[in-house]
Amino acid sequence: MTSTILQHYDTSPYAEKVRTGLGLKDLAWASVQLPVIMPKPNLTALTGDYRKTPVLQIGAGPFGDGVRFWPATATWF
Protein backbone atom coordinates (compact mmCIF):
# COMPACT_ATOMS: atom_id res chain seq x y z
CA MET A 1 0.00 0.00 0.00
CA THR A 2 1.26 3.44 -0.89
CA SER A 3 1.49 6.01 1.89
CA THR A 4 -0.51 9.20 1.53
CA ILE A 5 0.73 12.34 3.26
CA LEU A 6 -1.08 15.66 3.29
CA GLN A 7 1.16 18.66 3.87
CA HIS A 8 -1.02 21.56 4.96
CA TYR A 9 -1.91 24.06 7.64
CA ASP A 10 -5.10 23.78 9.67
CA THR A 11 -6.81 27.03 8.70
CA SER A 12 -6.55 26.52 4.93
CA PRO A 13 -9.99 26.15 3.32
CA TYR A 14 -8.39 24.19 0.47
CA ALA A 15 -6.84 21.77 2.95
CA GLU A 16 -10.28 21.32 4.53
CA LYS A 17 -11.68 20.27 1.16
CA VAL A 18 -8.87 17.77 0.72
CA ARG A 19 -9.30 16.38 4.25
CA THR A 20 -13.03 16.00 3.61
CA GLY A 21 -12.41 14.26 0.28
CA LEU A 22 -9.90 11.86 1.81
CA GLY A 23 -12.43 11.06 4.51
CA LEU A 24 -15.20 10.46 1.96
CA LYS A 25 -12.93 8.10 0.01
CA ASP A 26 -12.06 6.38 3.32
CA LEU A 27 -8.32 6.67 2.68
CA ALA A 28 -5.71 6.42 5.41
CA TRP A 29 -3.42 9.44 5.40
CA ALA A 30 -0.81 11.15 7.52
CA SER A 31 -0.51 14.85 8.21
CA VAL A 32 2.46 17.22 8.11
CA GLN A 33 1.72 20.64 9.57
CA LEU A 34 3.28 23.55 7.69
CA PRO A 35 3.65 27.16 8.76
CA VAL A 36 1.17 29.59 7.23
CA ILE A 37 3.88 31.90 5.90
CA MET A 38 7.26 31.28 4.29
CA PRO A 39 9.77 29.76 4.86
CA LYS A 40 8.42 26.22 4.51
CA PRO A 41 11.58 24.08 4.44
CA ASN A 42 9.76 20.71 4.42
CA LEU A 43 7.63 21.73 1.46
CA THR A 44 10.48 23.32 -0.49
CA ALA A 45 12.59 20.17 -0.16
CA LEU A 46 9.73 18.09 -1.58
CA THR A 47 8.42 20.31 -4.36
CA GLY A 48 11.31 22.55 -5.32
CA ASP A 49 9.88 25.99 -6.14
CA TYR A 50 6.19 25.17 -5.69
CA ARG A 51 5.03 27.18 -2.66
CA LYS A 52 1.28 26.67 -2.46
CA THR A 53 -0.40 24.47 0.10
CA PRO A 54 -1.87 21.93 0.50
CA VAL A 55 0.32 19.34 -1.17
CA LEU A 56 -0.76 15.71 -1.30
CA GLN A 57 2.11 13.26 -1.47
CA ILE A 58 1.31 9.76 -2.69
CA GLY A 59 4.39 7.60 -2.44
CA ALA A 60 7.25 9.67 -3.84
CA GLY A 61 5.03 11.86 -6.02
CA PRO A 62 3.81 15.25 -4.82
CA PHE A 63 0.54 16.62 -6.20
CA GLY A 64 0.30 20.35 -5.66
CA ASP A 65 -2.99 21.31 -7.24
CA GLY A 66 -6.34 20.43 -5.70
CA VAL A 67 -7.77 19.63 -9.13
CA ARG A 68 -5.10 16.94 -9.59
CA PHE A 69 -5.59 15.30 -6.20
CA TRP A 70 -8.68 13.33 -7.08
CA PRO A 71 -7.52 11.80 -10.38
CA ALA A 72 -4.32 10.81 -8.56
CA THR A 73 -6.23 9.09 -5.77
CA ALA A 74 -8.39 7.29 -8.33
CA THR A 75 -5.26 6.03 -10.07
CA TRP A 76 -3.41 4.93 -6.94
CA PHE A 77 -6.31 3.53 -4.89
PDB file of N, CA and C in Angstrom:
ATOM      1  N   MET A   1       0.842  -1.180   0.000  1.00  0.00           N
ATOM      2  CA  MET A   1       0.000   0.000   0.000  1.00  0.00           C
ATOM      3  C   MET A   1       0.883   1.238   0.000  1.00  0.00           C
ATOM      4  N   THR A   2       0.510   2.199  -0.773  1.00  0.00           N
ATOM      5  CA  THR A   2       1.256   3.442  -0.886  1.00  0.00           C
ATOM      6  C   THR A   2       0.839   4.387   0.233  1.00  0.00           C
ATOM      7  N   SER A   3       1.818   5.069   0.818  1.00  0.00           N
ATOM      8  CA  SER A   3       1.491   6.013   1.886  1.00  0.00           C
ATOM      9  C   SER A   3       1.016   7.334   1.295  1.00  0.00           C
ATOM     10  N   THR A   4       0.042   7.932   1.954  1.00  0.00           N
ATOM     11  CA  THR A   4      -0.512   9.204   1.533  1.00  0.00           C
ATOM     12  C   THR A   4      -0.259  10.213   2.636  1.00  0.00           C
ATOM     13  N   ILE A   5       0.386  11.318   2.292  1.00  0.00           N
ATOM     14  CA  ILE A   5       0.730  12.345   3.262  1.00  0.00           C
ATOM     15  C   ILE A   5       0.186  13.676   2.764  1.00  0.00           C
ATOM     16  N   LEU A   6      -0.552  14.345   3.615  1.00  0.00           N
ATOM     17  CA  LEU A   6      -1.082  15.664   3.290  1.00  0.00           C
ATOM     18  C   LEU A   6      -0.257  16.704   4.027  1.00  0.00           C
ATOM     19  N   GLN A   7       0.386  17.575   3.288  1.00  0.00           N
ATOM     20  CA  GLN A   7       1.165  18.664   3.871  1.00  0.00           C
ATOM     21  C   GLN A   7       0.306  19.916   3.773  1.00  0.00           C
ATOM     22  N   HIS A   8      -0.046  20.477   4.927  1.00  0.00           N
ATOM     23  CA  HIS A   8      -1.023  21.560   4.959  1.00  0.00           C
ATOM     24  C   HIS A   8      -0.898  22.349   6.243  1.00  0.00           C
ATOM     25  N   TYR A   9      -1.716  23.391   6.364  1.00  0.00           N
ATOM     26  CA  TYR A   9      -1.910  24.062   7.639  1.00  0.00           C
ATOM     27  C   TYR A   9      -3.403  24.051   7.937  1.00  0.00           C
ATOM     28  N   ASP A  10      -3.733  24.046   9.229  1.00  0.00           N
ATOM     29  CA  ASP A  10      -5.105  23.782   9.667  1.00  0.00           C
ATOM     30  C   ASP A  10      -6.145  24.761   9.151  1.00  0.00           C
ATOM     31  N   THR A  11      -5.807  26.029   9.043  1.00  0.00           N
ATOM     32  CA  THR A  11      -6.812  27.033   8.703  1.00  0.00           C
ATOM     33  C   THR A  11      -7.042  27.196   7.205  1.00  0.00           C
ATOM     34  N   SER A  12      -6.387  26.405   6.382  1.00  0.00           N
ATOM     35  CA  SER A  12      -6.547  26.520   4.935  1.00  0.00           C
ATOM     36  C   SER A  12      -7.890  25.929   4.493  1.00  0.00           C
ATOM     37  N   PRO A  13      -8.724  26.707   3.806  1.00  0.00           N
ATOM     38  CA  PRO A  13      -9.987  26.152   3.319  1.00  0.00           C
ATOM     39  C   PRO A  13      -9.767  25.080   2.245  1.00  0.00           C
ATOM     40  N   TYR A  14      -8.687  25.206   1.486  1.00  0.00           N
ATOM     41  CA  TYR A  14      -8.387  24.192   0.473  1.00  0.00           C
ATOM     42  C   TYR A  14      -7.984  22.880   1.136  1.00  0.00           C
ATOM     43  N   ALA A  15      -7.228  22.976   2.218  1.00  0.00           N
ATOM     44  CA  ALA A  15      -6.843  21.773   2.951  1.00  0.00           C
ATOM     45  C   ALA A  15      -8.075  21.102   3.554  1.00  0.00           C
ATOM     46  N   GLU A  16      -9.047  21.887   3.980  1.00  0.00           N
ATOM     47  CA  GLU A  16     -10.282  21.317   4.529  1.00  0.00           C
ATOM     48  C   GLU A  16     -11.024  20.516   3.471  1.00  0.00           C
ATOM     49  N   LYS A  17     -11.053  21.021   2.248  1.00  0.00           N
ATOM     50  CA  LYS A  17     -11.684  20.271   1.157  1.00  0.00           C
ATOM     51  C   LYS A  17     -10.965  18.951   0.909  1.00  0.00           C
ATOM     52  N   VAL A  18      -9.645  18.985   0.951  1.00  0.00           N
ATOM     53  CA  VAL A  18      -8.866  17.771   0.717  1.00  0.00           C
ATOM     54  C   VAL A  18      -9.080  16.780   1.861  1.00  0.00           C
ATOM     55  N   ARG A  19      -9.059  17.259   3.101  1.00  0.00           N
ATOM     56  CA  ARG A  19      -9.295  16.378   4.247  1.00  0.00           C
ATOM     57  C   ARG A  19     -10.677  15.741   4.171  1.00  0.00           C
ATOM     58  N   THR A  20     -11.678  16.530   3.762  1.00  0.00           N
ATOM     59  CA  THR A  20     -13.031  16.001   3.614  1.00  0.00           C
ATOM     60  C   THR A  20     -13.080  14.946   2.511  1.00  0.00           C
ATOM     61  N   GLY A  21     -12.430  15.226   1.391  1.00  0.00           N
ATOM     62  CA  GLY A  21     -12.412  14.265   0.283  1.00  0.00           C
ATOM     63  C   GLY A  21     -11.709  12.974   0.648  1.00  0.00           C
ATOM     64  N   LEU A  22     -10.606  13.072   1.380  1.00  0.00           N
ATOM     65  CA  LEU A  22      -9.904  11.858   1.811  1.00  0.00           C
ATOM     66  C   LEU A  22     -10.765  11.052   2.766  1.00  0.00           C
ATOM     67  N   GLY A  23     -11.516  11.749   3.604  1.00  0.00           N
ATOM     68  CA  GLY A  23     -12.427  11.057   4.508  1.00  0.00           C
ATOM     69  C   GLY A  23     -13.567  10.383   3.762  1.00  0.00           C
ATOM     70  N   LEU A  24     -14.110  11.058   2.747  1.00  0.00           N
ATOM     71  CA  LEU A  24     -15.196  10.463   1.959  1.00  0.00           C
ATOM     72  C   LEU A  24     -14.734   9.238   1.184  1.00  0.00           C
ATOM     73  N   LYS A  25     -13.478   9.256   0.730  1.00  0.00           N
ATOM     74  CA  LYS A  25     -12.926   8.105   0.013  1.00  0.00           C
ATOM     75  C   LYS A  25     -12.430   7.027   0.971  1.00  0.00           C
ATOM     76  N   ASP A  26     -12.477   7.320   2.277  1.00  0.00           N
ATOM     77  CA  ASP A  26     -12.064   6.385   3.322  1.00  0.00           C
ATOM     78  C   ASP A  26     -10.610   5.957   3.142  1.00  0.00           C
ATOM     79  N   LEU A  27      -9.749   6.940   2.859  1.00  0.00           N
ATOM     80  CA  LEU A  27      -8.322   6.671   2.684  1.00  0.00           C
ATOM     81  C   LEU A  27      -7.564   6.985   3.966  1.00  0.00           C
ATOM     82  N   ALA A  28      -6.601   6.150   4.284  1.00  0.00           N
ATOM     83  CA  ALA A  28      -5.714   6.423   5.413  1.00  0.00           C
ATOM     84  C   ALA A  28      -4.661   7.425   4.951  1.00  0.00           C
ATOM     85  N   TRP A  29      -4.384   8.432   5.771  1.00  0.00           N
ATOM     86  CA  TRP A  29      -3.422   9.442   5.397  1.00  0.00           C
ATOM     87  C   TRP A  29      -2.752   9.992   6.642  1.00  0.00           C
ATOM     88  N   ALA A  30      -1.561  10.515   6.438  1.00  0.00           N
ATOM     89  CA  ALA A  30      -0.807  11.152   7.518  1.00  0.00           C
ATOM     90  C   ALA A  30      -0.782  12.649   7.260  1.00  0.00           C
ATOM     91  N   SER A  31      -0.483  13.403   8.303  1.00  0.00           N
ATOM     92  CA  SER A  31      -0.509  14.847   8.211  1.00  0.00           C
ATOM     93  C   SER A  31       0.850  15.440   8.563  1.00  0.00           C
ATOM     94  N   VAL A  32       1.282  16.421   7.787  1.00  0.00           N
ATOM     95  CA  VAL A  32       2.461  17.217   8.109  1.00  0.00           C
ATOM     96  C   VAL A  32       1.992  18.658   8.192  1.00  0.00           C
ATOM     97  N   GLN A  33       2.135  19.258   9.365  1.00  0.00           N
ATOM     98  CA  GLN A  33       1.717  20.643   9.566  1.00  0.00           C
ATOM     99  C   GLN A  33       2.791  21.592   9.043  1.00  0.00           C
ATOM    100  N   LEU A  34       2.379  22.552   8.248  1.00  0.00           N
ATOM    101  CA  LEU A  34       3.284  23.550   7.686  1.00  0.00           C
ATOM    102  C   LEU A  34       2.970  24.912   8.284  1.00  0.00           C
ATOM    103  N   PRO A  35       3.950  25.793   8.333  1.00  0.00           N
ATOM    104  CA  PRO A  35       3.646  27.162   8.761  1.00  0.00           C
ATOM    105  C   PRO A  35       2.811  27.879   7.697  1.00  0.00           C
ATOM    106  N   VAL A  36       2.048  28.855   8.143  1.00  0.00           N
ATOM    107  CA  VAL A  36       1.175  29.589   7.229  1.00  0.00           C
ATOM    108  C   VAL A  36       1.985  30.451   6.266  1.00  0.00           C
ATOM    109  N   ILE A  37       3.066  31.026   6.740  1.00  0.00           N
ATOM    110  CA  ILE A  37       3.879  31.903   5.900  1.00  0.00           C
ATOM    111  C   ILE A  37       5.239  31.262   5.640  1.00  0.00           C
ATOM    112  N   MET A  38       5.929  31.786   4.630  1.00  0.00           N
ATOM    113  CA  MET A  38       7.258  31.281   4.290  1.00  0.00           C
ATOM    114  C   MET A  38       8.219  31.616   5.415  1.00  0.00           C
ATOM    115  N   PRO A  39       9.269  30.886   5.635  1.00  0.00           N
ATOM    116  CA  PRO A  39       9.768  29.758   4.861  1.00  0.00           C
ATOM    117  C   PRO A  39       9.087  28.454   5.265  1.00  0.00           C
ATOM    118  N   LYS A  40       8.996  27.551   4.304  1.00  0.00           N
ATOM    119  CA  LYS A  40       8.424  26.223   4.511  1.00  0.00           C
ATOM    120  C   LYS A  40       9.459  25.194   4.057  1.00  0.00           C
ATOM    121  N   PRO A  41      10.471  24.920   4.889  1.00  0.00           N
ATOM    122  CA  PRO A  41      11.583  24.084   4.439  1.00  0.00           C
ATOM    123  C   PRO A  41      11.172  22.658   4.070  1.00  0.00           C
ATOM    124  N   ASN A  42      10.197  22.075   4.765  1.00  0.00           N
ATOM    125  CA  ASN A  42       9.764  20.713   4.420  1.00  0.00           C
ATOM    126  C   ASN A  42       9.110  20.672   3.049  1.00  0.00           C
ATOM    127  N   LEU A  43       8.323  21.681   2.744  1.00  0.00           N
ATOM    128  CA  LEU A  43       7.631  21.735   1.462  1.00  0.00           C
ATOM    129  C   LEU A  43       8.599  22.038   0.326  1.00  0.00           C
ATOM    130  N   THR A  44       9.518  22.958   0.545  1.00  0.00           N
ATOM    131  CA  THR A  44      10.478  23.322  -0.492  1.00  0.00           C
ATOM    132  C   THR A  44      11.370  22.143  -0.860  1.00  0.00           C
ATOM    133  N   ALA A  45      11.754  21.340   0.117  1.00  0.00           N
ATOM    134  CA  ALA A  45      12.585  20.170  -0.162  1.00  0.00           C
ATOM    135  C   ALA A  45      11.829  19.143  -1.010  1.00  0.00           C
ATOM    136  N   LEU A  46      10.528  19.062  -0.840  1.00  0.00           N
ATOM    137  CA  LEU A  46       9.726  18.091  -1.578  1.00  0.00           C
ATOM    138  C   LEU A  46       9.372  18.572  -2.978  1.00  0.00           C
ATOM    139  N   THR A  47       8.985  19.836  -3.101  1.00  0.00           N
ATOM    140  CA  THR A  47       8.416  20.314  -4.361  1.00  0.00           C
ATOM    141  C   THR A  47       9.316  21.247  -5.149  1.00  0.00           C
ATOM    142  N   GLY A  48      10.458  21.597  -4.624  1.00  0.00           N
ATOM    143  CA  GLY A  48      11.314  22.550  -5.325  1.00  0.00           C
ATOM    144  C   GLY A  48      10.791  23.959  -5.144  1.00  0.00           C
ATOM    145  N   ASP A  49      10.342  24.601  -6.213  1.00  0.00           N
ATOM    146  CA  ASP A  49       9.881  25.986  -6.145  1.00  0.00           C
ATOM    147  C   ASP A  49       8.391  26.140  -5.887  1.00  0.00           C
ATOM    148  N   TYR A  50       7.642  25.071  -5.891  1.00  0.00           N
ATOM    149  CA  TYR A  50       6.195  25.172  -5.689  1.00  0.00           C
ATOM    150  C   TYR A  50       5.917  25.546  -4.242  1.00  0.00           C
ATOM    151  N   ARG A  51       5.201  26.661  -4.011  1.00  0.00           N
ATOM    152  CA  ARG A  51       5.028  27.183  -2.661  1.00  0.00           C
ATOM    153  C   ARG A  51       3.631  27.018  -2.095  1.00  0.00           C
ATOM    154  N   LYS A  52       2.667  26.695  -2.919  1.00  0.00           N
ATOM    155  CA  LYS A  52       1.283  26.673  -2.458  1.00  0.00           C
ATOM    156  C   LYS A  52       1.008  25.442  -1.595  1.00  0.00           C
ATOM    157  N   THR A  53       0.057  25.590  -0.707  1.00  0.00           N
ATOM    158  CA  THR A  53      -0.399  24.466   0.099  1.00  0.00           C
ATOM    159  C   THR A  53      -1.899  24.347  -0.074  1.00  0.00           C
ATOM    160  N   PRO A  54      -2.448  23.194   0.059  1.00  0.00           N
ATOM    161  CA  PRO A  54      -1.872  21.929   0.498  1.00  0.00           C
ATOM    162  C   PRO A  54      -1.191  21.177  -0.637  1.00  0.00           C
ATOM    163  N   VAL A  55      -0.339  20.240  -0.243  1.00  0.00           N
ATOM    164  CA  VAL A  55       0.316  19.341  -1.173  1.00  0.00           C
ATOM    165  C   VAL A  55       0.018  17.922  -0.706  1.00  0.00           C
ATOM    166  N   LEU A  56      -0.486  17.111  -1.605  1.00  0.00           N
ATOM    167  CA  LEU A  56      -0.764  15.714  -1.301  1.00  0.00           C
ATOM    168  C   LEU A  56       0.358  14.882  -1.878  1.00  0.00           C
ATOM    169  N   GLN A  57       1.002  14.108  -1.030  1.00  0.00           N
ATOM    170  CA  GLN A  57       2.110  13.259  -1.468  1.00  0.00           C
ATOM    171  C   GLN A  57       1.639  11.811  -1.431  1.00  0.00           C
ATOM    172  N   ILE A  58       1.661  11.175  -2.592  1.00  0.00           N
ATOM    173  CA  ILE A  58       1.307   9.764  -2.694  1.00  0.00           C
ATOM    174  C   ILE A  58       2.566   9.030  -3.109  1.00  0.00           C
ATOM    175  N   GLY A  59       3.104   8.236  -2.194  1.00  0.00           N
ATOM    176  CA  GLY A  59       4.391   7.601  -2.441  1.00  0.00           C
ATOM    177  C   GLY A  59       5.457   8.672  -2.546  1.00  0.00           C
ATOM    178  N   ALA A  60       6.203   8.676  -3.646  1.00  0.00           N
ATOM    179  CA  ALA A  60       7.250   9.674  -3.844  1.00  0.00           C
ATOM    180  C   ALA A  60       6.767  10.855  -4.682  1.00  0.00           C
ATOM    181  N   GLY A  61       5.522  10.823  -5.127  1.00  0.00           N
ATOM    182  CA  GLY A  61       5.029  11.859  -6.024  1.00  0.00           C
ATOM    183  C   GLY A  61       4.207  12.911  -5.326  1.00  0.00           C
ATOM    184  N   PRO A  62       4.628  14.174  -5.383  1.00  0.00           N
ATOM    185  CA  PRO A  62       3.809  15.247  -4.818  1.00  0.00           C
ATOM    186  C   PRO A  62       2.800  15.777  -5.835  1.00  0.00           C
ATOM    187  N   PHE A  63       1.582  16.033  -5.373  1.00  0.00           N
ATOM    188  CA  PHE A  63       0.542  16.621  -6.203  1.00  0.00           C
ATOM    189  C   PHE A  63       0.169  17.945  -5.565  1.00  0.00           C
ATOM    190  N   GLY A  64       0.433  19.038  -6.258  1.00  0.00           N
ATOM    191  CA  GLY A  64       0.297  20.350  -5.661  1.00  0.00           C
ATOM    192  C   GLY A  64      -0.922  21.127  -6.049  1.00  0.00           C
ATOM    193  N   ASP A  65      -1.805  20.576  -6.817  1.00  0.00           N
ATOM    194  CA  ASP A  65      -2.991  21.306  -7.239  1.00  0.00           C
ATOM    195  C   ASP A  65      -4.208  20.488  -6.836  1.00  0.00           C
ATOM    196  N   GLY A  66      -5.162  21.137  -6.180  1.00  0.00           N
ATOM    197  CA  GLY A  66      -6.343  20.432  -5.705  1.00  0.00           C
ATOM    198  C   GLY A  66      -7.114  19.718  -6.802  1.00  0.00           C
ATOM    199  N   VAL A  67      -7.067  20.259  -8.009  1.00  0.00           N
ATOM    200  CA  VAL A  67      -7.766  19.634  -9.129  1.00  0.00           C
ATOM    201  C   VAL A  67      -7.109  18.290  -9.481  1.00  0.00           C
ATOM    202  N   ARG A  68      -5.819  18.167  -9.246  1.00  0.00           N
ATOM    203  CA  ARG A  68      -5.099  16.945  -9.590  1.00  0.00           C
ATOM    204  C   ARG A  68      -5.119  15.900  -8.487  1.00  0.00           C
ATOM    205  N   PHE A  69      -5.569  16.266  -7.297  1.00  0.00           N
ATOM    206  CA  PHE A  69      -5.589  15.302  -6.196  1.00  0.00           C
ATOM    207  C   PHE A  69      -6.489  14.113  -6.503  1.00  0.00           C
ATOM    208  N   TRP A  70      -7.682  14.390  -6.963  1.00  0.00           N
ATOM    209  CA  TRP A  70      -8.680  13.326  -7.083  1.00  0.00           C
ATOM    210  C   TRP A  70      -8.391  12.357  -8.217  1.00  0.00           C
ATOM    211  N   PRO A  71      -7.938  12.798  -9.390  1.00  0.00           N
ATOM    212  CA  PRO A  71      -7.516  11.797 -10.380  1.00  0.00           C
ATOM    213  C   PRO A  71      -6.347  10.963  -9.883  1.00  0.00           C
ATOM    214  N   ALA A  72      -5.457  11.558  -9.098  1.00  0.00           N
ATOM    215  CA  ALA A  72      -4.316  10.811  -8.564  1.00  0.00           C
ATOM    216  C   ALA A  72      -4.780   9.751  -7.582  1.00  0.00           C
ATOM    217  N   THR A  73      -5.736  10.086  -6.729  1.00  0.00           N
ATOM    218  CA  THR A  73      -6.226   9.094  -5.772  1.00  0.00           C
ATOM    219  C   THR A  73      -6.994   7.993  -6.487  1.00  0.00           C
ATOM    220  N   ALA A  74      -7.681   8.325  -7.574  1.00  0.00           N
ATOM    221  CA  ALA A  74      -8.394   7.295  -8.335  1.00  0.00           C
ATOM    222  C   ALA A  74      -7.409   6.338  -9.007  1.00  0.00           C
ATOM    223  N   THR A  75      -6.268   6.860  -9.433  1.00  0.00           N
ATOM    224  CA  THR A  75      -5.260   6.027 -10.074  1.00  0.00           C
ATOM    225  C   THR A  75      -4.544   5.118  -9.081  1.00  0.00           C
ATOM    226  N   TRP A  76      -4.208   5.676  -7.910  1.00  0.00           N
ATOM    227  CA  TRP A  76      -3.408   4.929  -6.942  1.00  0.00           C
ATOM    228  C   TRP A  76      -4.241   3.991  -6.074  1.00  0.00           C
ATOM    229  N   PHE A  77      -5.514   4.335  -5.831  1.00  0.00           N
ATOM    230  CA  PHE A  77      -6.310   3.528  -4.894  1.00  0.00           C
ATOM    231  C   PHE A  77      -7.520   2.954  -5.554  1.00  0.00           C
TER     232      PHE A  77
END
